[in-house]
PDB file of N, CA and C in Angstrom:
ATOM      1  N   MET A   1       1.681 -11.102  10.671  1.00  0.00           N
ATOM      2  CA  MET A   1       1.463  -9.610   9.820  1.00  0.00           C
ATOM      3  C   MET A   1      -0.291  -9.790  10.749  1.00  0.00           C
ATOM      4  N   GLN A   2       0.032  -8.414   9.870  1.00  0.00           N
ATOM      5  CA  GLN A   2      -1.240  -8.035  10.312  1.00  0.00           C
ATOM      6  C   GLN A   2      -1.823  -8.429   8.813  1.00  0.00           C
ATOM      7  N   ASN A   3      -4.002  -8.271   9.476  1.00  0.00           N
ATOM      8  CA  ASN A   3      -5.001  -7.863   9.148  1.00  0.00           C
ATOM      9  C   ASN A   3      -4.690  -7.437   7.451  1.00  0.00           C
ATOM     10  N   ALA A   4      -4.246  -6.504   7.415  1.00  0.00           N
ATOM     11  CA  ALA A   4      -4.085  -5.343   6.296  1.00  0.00           C
ATOM     12  C   ALA A   4      -3.279  -6.046   5.434  1.00  0.00           C
ATOM     13  N   THR A   5      -1.992  -7.024   5.474  1.00  0.00           N
ATOM     14  CA  THR A   5      -0.898  -7.211   4.454  1.00  0.00           C
ATOM     15  C   THR A   5      -1.414  -8.315   4.595  1.00  0.00           C
ATOM     16  N   ILE A   6      -2.212  -9.207   5.486  1.00  0.00           N
ATOM     17  CA  ILE A   6      -2.399 -10.399   4.476  1.00  0.00           C
ATOM     18  C   ILE A   6      -3.987 -10.304   3.800  1.00  0.00           C
ATOM     19  N   ILE A   7      -4.270  -9.127   4.617  1.00  0.00           N
ATOM     20  CA  ILE A   7      -5.153  -9.300   3.135  1.00  0.00           C
ATOM     21  C   ILE A   7      -4.456  -8.877   1.272  1.00  0.00           C
ATOM     22  N   GLU A   8      -3.747  -8.280   1.685  1.00  0.00           N
ATOM     23  CA  GLU A   8      -2.660  -7.668   0.368  1.00  0.00           C
ATOM     24  C   GLU A   8      -2.270  -9.070  -0.561  1.00  0.00           C
ATOM     25  N   PHE A   9      -1.492  -9.733   0.838  1.00  0.00           N
ATOM     26  CA  PHE A   9      -0.882 -10.758  -0.278  1.00  0.00           C
ATOM     27  C   PHE A   9      -1.789 -11.822  -0.182  1.00  0.00           C
ATOM     28  N   ALA A  10      -2.806 -12.137   0.217  1.00  0.00           N
ATOM     29  CA  ALA A  10      -4.922 -12.749  -0.465  1.00  0.00           C
ATOM     30  C   ALA A  10      -4.421 -12.359  -1.547  1.00  0.00           C
ATOM     31  N   ARG A  11      -4.675 -10.671  -1.781  1.00  0.00           N
ATOM     32  CA  ARG A  11      -5.499 -10.002  -3.300  1.00  0.00           C
ATOM     33  C   ARG A  11      -4.222 -10.670  -3.789  1.00  0.00           C
ATOM     34  N   GLN A  12      -2.533 -10.805  -4.019  1.00  0.00           N
ATOM     35  CA  GLN A  12      -1.668 -10.672  -4.558  1.00  0.00           C
ATOM     36  C   GLN A  12      -1.373 -12.733  -5.173  1.00  0.00           C
ATOM     37  N   LEU A  13      -1.667 -13.267  -4.656  1.00  0.00           N
ATOM     38  CA  LEU A  13      -1.724 -14.694  -4.472  1.00  0.00           C
ATOM     39  C   LEU A  13      -2.921 -14.724  -6.023  1.00  0.00           C
ATOM     40  N   LEU A  14      -3.884 -14.169  -5.628  1.00  0.00           N
ATOM     41  CA  LEU A  14      -5.180 -14.261  -6.197  1.00  0.00           C
ATOM     42  C   LEU A  14      -5.396 -14.116  -8.228  1.00  0.00           C
ATOM     43  N   VAL A  15      -4.174 -12.846  -7.510  1.00  0.00           N
ATOM     44  CA  VAL A  15      -3.608 -12.370  -9.080  1.00  0.00           C
ATOM     45  C   VAL A  15      -2.666 -13.310  -9.705  1.00  0.00           C
ATOM     46  N   ILE A  16      -2.026 -14.230  -8.641  1.00  0.00           N
ATOM     47  CA  ILE A  16      -0.910 -15.103  -9.773  1.00  0.00           C
ATOM     48  C   ILE A  16      -1.217 -16.220  -9.979  1.00  0.00           C
ATOM     49  N   HIS A  17      -2.185 -17.000  -9.149  1.00  0.00           N
ATOM     50  CA  HIS A  17      -2.340 -17.977  -8.895  1.00  0.00           C
ATOM     51  C   HIS A  17      -4.250 -18.213  -9.091  1.00  0.00           C
ATOM     52  N   GLY A  18      -4.934 -17.058  -9.391  1.00  0.00           N
ATOM     53  CA  GLY A  18      -6.362 -17.307  -9.838  1.00  0.00           C
ATOM     54  C   GLY A  18      -7.017 -18.294  -9.227  1.00  0.00           C
ATOM     55  N   VAL A  19      -7.540 -19.032  -9.734  1.00  0.00           N
ATOM     56  CA  VAL A  19      -8.956 -19.715  -8.796  1.00  0.00           C
ATOM     57  C   VAL A  19      -8.552 -21.022  -8.326  1.00  0.00           C
ATOM     58  N   LYS A  20      -7.294 -20.694  -8.587  1.00  0.00           N
ATOM     59  CA  LYS A  20      -6.518 -21.466  -7.556  1.00  0.00           C
ATOM     60  C   LYS A  20      -5.077 -21.224  -6.443  1.00  0.00           C
ATOM     61  N   ALA A  21      -5.666 -19.860  -6.089  1.00  0.00           N
ATOM     62  CA  ALA A  21      -4.807 -19.508  -4.824  1.00  0.00           C
ATOM     63  C   ALA A  21      -5.253 -19.639  -4.070  1.00  0.00           C
ATOM     64  N   SER A  22      -6.867 -20.437  -3.225  1.00  0.00           N
ATOM     65  CA  SER A  22      -7.159 -20.940  -2.571  1.00  0.00           C
ATOM     66  C   SER A  22      -6.327 -22.228  -1.512  1.00  0.00           C
ATOM     67  N   GLU A  23      -5.937 -23.230  -2.871  1.00  0.00           N
ATOM     68  CA  GLU A  23      -5.611 -24.698  -3.219  1.00  0.00           C
ATOM     69  C   GLU A  23      -3.742 -23.882  -2.859  1.00  0.00           C
ATOM     70  N   GLU A  24      -3.290 -22.935  -3.565  1.00  0.00           N
ATOM     71  CA  GLU A  24      -2.054 -22.631  -3.215  1.00  0.00           C
ATOM     72  C   GLU A  24      -1.910 -22.500  -1.493  1.00  0.00           C
ATOM     73  N   ALA A  25      -2.602 -21.822  -1.413  1.00  0.00           N
ATOM     74  CA  ALA A  25      -2.380 -21.586   0.351  1.00  0.00           C
ATOM     75  C   ALA A  25      -2.667 -22.910   1.043  1.00  0.00           C
ATOM     76  N   GLN A  26      -3.143 -23.642   0.988  1.00  0.00           N
ATOM     77  CA  GLN A  26      -3.614 -24.722   1.950  1.00  0.00           C
ATOM     78  C   GLN A  26      -2.022 -26.046   1.439  1.00  0.00           C
ATOM     79  N   VAL A  27      -1.541 -25.791   0.416  1.00  0.00           N
ATOM     80  CA  VAL A  27      -0.174 -26.198   0.293  1.00  0.00           C
ATOM     81  C   VAL A  27       0.795 -26.260   0.477  1.00  0.00           C
ATOM     82  N   HIS A  28       1.006 -24.131   1.217  1.00  0.00           N
ATOM     83  CA  HIS A  28       1.675 -24.040   2.289  1.00  0.00           C
ATOM     84  C   HIS A  28       1.281 -24.095   3.606  1.00  0.00           C
ATOM     85  N   GLU A  29       0.139 -24.529   4.142  1.00  0.00           N
ATOM     86  CA  GLU A  29      -0.020 -24.068   5.069  1.00  0.00           C
ATOM     87  C   GLU A  29       0.259 -26.264   5.393  1.00  0.00           C
ATOM     88  N   ARG A  30       0.159 -26.667   4.935  1.00  0.00           N
ATOM     89  CA  ARG A  30      -0.209 -28.538   5.256  1.00  0.00           C
ATOM     90  C   ARG A  30       1.854 -28.466   5.419  1.00  0.00           C
ATOM     91  N   ILE A  31       2.834 -27.984   4.350  1.00  0.00           N
ATOM     92  CA  ILE A  31       3.913 -28.539   4.712  1.00  0.00           C
ATOM     93  C   ILE A  31       4.460 -26.976   5.522  1.00  0.00           C
ATOM     94  N   CYS A  32       3.445 -26.614   6.158  1.00  0.00           N
ATOM     95  CA  CYS A  32       4.133 -25.839   7.035  1.00  0.00           C
ATOM     96  C   CYS A  32       3.629 -26.546   8.448  1.00  0.00           C
ATOM     97  N   VAL A  33       2.301 -27.207   8.880  1.00  0.00           N
ATOM     98  CA  VAL A  33       2.086 -27.889   9.580  1.00  0.00           C
ATOM     99  C   VAL A  33       3.305 -29.020   9.835  1.00  0.00           C
ATOM    100  N   LYS A  34       3.779 -29.928   9.346  1.00  0.00           N
ATOM    101  CA  LYS A  34       3.890 -30.446   8.598  1.00  0.00           C
ATOM    102  C   LYS A  34       5.504 -30.910   9.385  1.00  0.00           C
ATOM    103  N   TYR A  35       6.145 -29.534   9.365  1.00  0.00           N
ATOM    104  CA  TYR A  35       7.677 -29.201   9.707  1.00  0.00           C
ATOM    105  C   TYR A  35       7.989 -28.806  11.137  1.00  0.00           C
ATOM    106  N   GLY A  36       6.127 -28.181  11.721  1.00  0.00           N
ATOM    107  CA  GLY A  36       5.989 -27.353  13.004  1.00  0.00           C
ATOM    108  C   GLY A  36       6.031 -26.467  13.105  1.00  0.00           C
ATOM    109  N   ALA A  37       5.881 -25.993  11.633  1.00  0.00           N
ATOM    110  CA  ALA A  37       6.584 -24.180  11.832  1.00  0.00           C
ATOM    111  C   ALA A  37       4.649 -23.557  11.525  1.00  0.00           C
ATOM    112  N   ARG A  38       4.467 -23.830  13.652  1.00  0.00           N
ATOM    113  CA  ARG A  38       3.035 -23.146  13.949  1.00  0.00           C
ATOM    114  C   ARG A  38       2.687 -22.146  13.655  1.00  0.00           C
ATOM    115  N   HIS A  39       2.798 -21.083  13.705  1.00  0.00           N
ATOM    116  CA  HIS A  39       3.257 -19.810  13.594  1.00  0.00           C
ATOM    117  C   HIS A  39       2.716 -19.136  12.006  1.00  0.00           C
ATOM    118  N   THR A  40       3.519 -19.941  10.908  1.00  0.00           N
ATOM    119  CA  THR A  40       3.547 -19.551   9.607  1.00  0.00           C
ATOM    120  C   THR A  40       2.362 -20.031   9.249  1.00  0.00           C
ATOM    121  N   ALA A  41       1.967 -21.585   9.836  1.00  0.00           N
ATOM    122  CA  ALA A  41       0.610 -22.037   9.433  1.00  0.00           C
ATOM    123  C   ALA A  41      -0.622 -21.224   9.406  1.00  0.00           C
ATOM    124  N   GLU A  42      -0.728 -20.815  10.547  1.00  0.00           N
ATOM    125  CA  GLU A  42      -1.540 -20.487  11.249  1.00  0.00           C
ATOM    126  C   GLU A  42      -2.215 -18.933   9.963  1.00  0.00           C
ATOM    127  N   THR A  43      -0.761 -18.213   9.506  1.00  0.00           N
ATOM    128  CA  THR A  43      -0.920 -17.036   8.533  1.00  0.00           C
ATOM    129  C   THR A  43      -1.471 -17.686   7.208  1.00  0.00           C
ATOM    130  N   TRP A  44      -1.195 -19.194   6.803  1.00  0.00           N
ATOM    131  CA  TRP A  44      -1.560 -19.100   5.806  1.00  0.00           C
ATOM    132  C   TRP A  44      -2.903 -19.094   5.583  1.00  0.00           C
ATOM    133  N   ARG A  45      -3.585 -20.188   6.947  1.00  0.00           N
ATOM    134  CA  ARG A  45      -4.749 -20.543   7.463  1.00  0.00           C
ATOM    135  C   ARG A  45      -5.335 -18.713   6.769  1.00  0.00           C
ATOM    136  N   SER A  46      -5.427 -17.868   7.426  1.00  0.00           N
ATOM    137  CA  SER A  46      -5.646 -16.593   7.710  1.00  0.00           C
ATOM    138  C   SER A  46      -5.171 -15.382   5.872  1.00  0.00           C
ATOM    139  N   VAL A  47      -4.436 -16.145   5.282  1.00  0.00           N
ATOM    140  CA  VAL A  47      -4.600 -15.677   4.278  1.00  0.00           C
ATOM    141  C   VAL A  47      -5.935 -16.399   3.261  1.00  0.00           C
ATOM    142  N   GLN A  48      -6.219 -18.089   3.935  1.00  0.00           N
ATOM    143  CA  GLN A  48      -6.743 -18.887   3.139  1.00  0.00           C
ATOM    144  C   GLN A  48      -8.503 -18.152   3.543  1.00  0.00           C
ATOM    145  N   ALA A  49      -8.777 -17.707   4.685  1.00  0.00           N
ATOM    146  CA  ALA A  49     -10.009 -16.811   5.448  1.00  0.00           C
ATOM    147  C   ALA A  49     -10.215 -15.587   4.728  1.00  0.00           C
ATOM    148  N   ALA A  50      -9.233 -14.733   4.282  1.00  0.00           N
ATOM    149  CA  ALA A  50      -9.207 -13.715   3.429  1.00  0.00           C
ATOM    150  C   ALA A  50      -9.527 -13.726   1.946  1.00  0.00           C
ATOM    151  N   LEU A  51      -8.983 -15.075   1.319  1.00  0.00           N
ATOM    152  CA  LEU A  51      -9.241 -15.878   0.277  1.00  0.00           C
ATOM    153  C   LEU A  51     -11.370 -15.785   0.398  1.00  0.00           C
ATOM    154  N   LYS A  52     -11.393 -16.120   1.623  1.00  0.00           N
ATOM    155  CA  LYS A  52     -12.370 -16.874   1.100  1.00  0.00           C
ATOM    156  C   LYS A  52     -13.762 -15.413   1.774  1.00  0.00           C
ATOM    157  N   ASP A  53     -13.705 -14.484   1.648  1.00  0.00           N
ATOM    158  CA  ASP A  53     -13.702 -13.315   2.870  1.00  0.00           C
ATOM    159  C   ASP A  53     -13.823 -12.353   0.612  1.00  0.00           C
ATOM    160  N   MET A  54     -12.832 -12.944   0.322  1.00  0.00           N
ATOM    161  CA  MET A  54     -13.176 -11.251  -0.829  1.00  0.00           C
ATOM    162  C   MET A  54     -13.932 -13.037  -1.787  1.00  0.00           C
ATOM    163  N   LYS A  55     -13.927 -14.213  -2.244  1.00  0.00           N
ATOM    164  CA  LYS A  55     -14.473 -14.314  -2.784  1.00  0.00           C
ATOM    165  C   LYS A  55     -16.487 -14.542  -2.128  1.00  0.00           C
ATOM    166  N   GLY A  56     -16.171 -14.307  -1.535  1.00  0.00           N
ATOM    167  CA  GLY A  56     -17.795 -14.445  -1.183  1.00  0.00           C
ATOM    168  C   GLY A  56     -18.130 -12.632  -1.341  1.00  0.00           C
ATOM    169  N   ASN A  57     -17.695 -11.451  -0.832  1.00  0.00           N
ATOM    170  CA  ASN A  57     -17.722 -10.059  -1.600  1.00  0.00           C
ATOM    171  C   ASN A  57     -17.914 -10.439  -2.867  1.00  0.00           C
ATOM    172  N   CYS A  58     -17.753 -11.169  -3.740  1.00  0.00           N
ATOM    173  CA  CYS A  58     -17.343 -11.395  -5.448  1.00  0.00           C
ATOM    174  C   CYS A  58     -19.168 -12.012  -5.840  1.00  0.00           C
ATOM    175  N   LEU A  59     -19.448 -12.489  -4.364  1.00  0.00           N
ATOM    176  CA  LEU A  59     -20.457 -13.308  -5.479  1.00  0.00           C
ATOM    177  C   LEU A  59     -22.104 -11.573  -4.623  1.00  0.00           C
ATOM    178  N   HIS A  60     -21.515 -11.264  -3.670  1.00  0.00           N
ATOM    179  CA  HIS A  60     -22.963  -9.951  -3.783  1.00  0.00           C
ATOM    180  C   HIS A  60     -22.693  -8.919  -4.255  1.00  0.00           C
TER     181      HIS A  60
END
């Protein structure tokens, strides 16, 4: 996924799951790792990073 797409996906995840969005992304990442979907797991890690950035930006 491209960076802009990851950011948009993270925003949508935040709207749907609220404060639990990061937990949801972690669950999906672990499932992908478990089943060997390394590329998809990396995408979920990128989503988690985008969520963390969004949280940091809200604090400033």
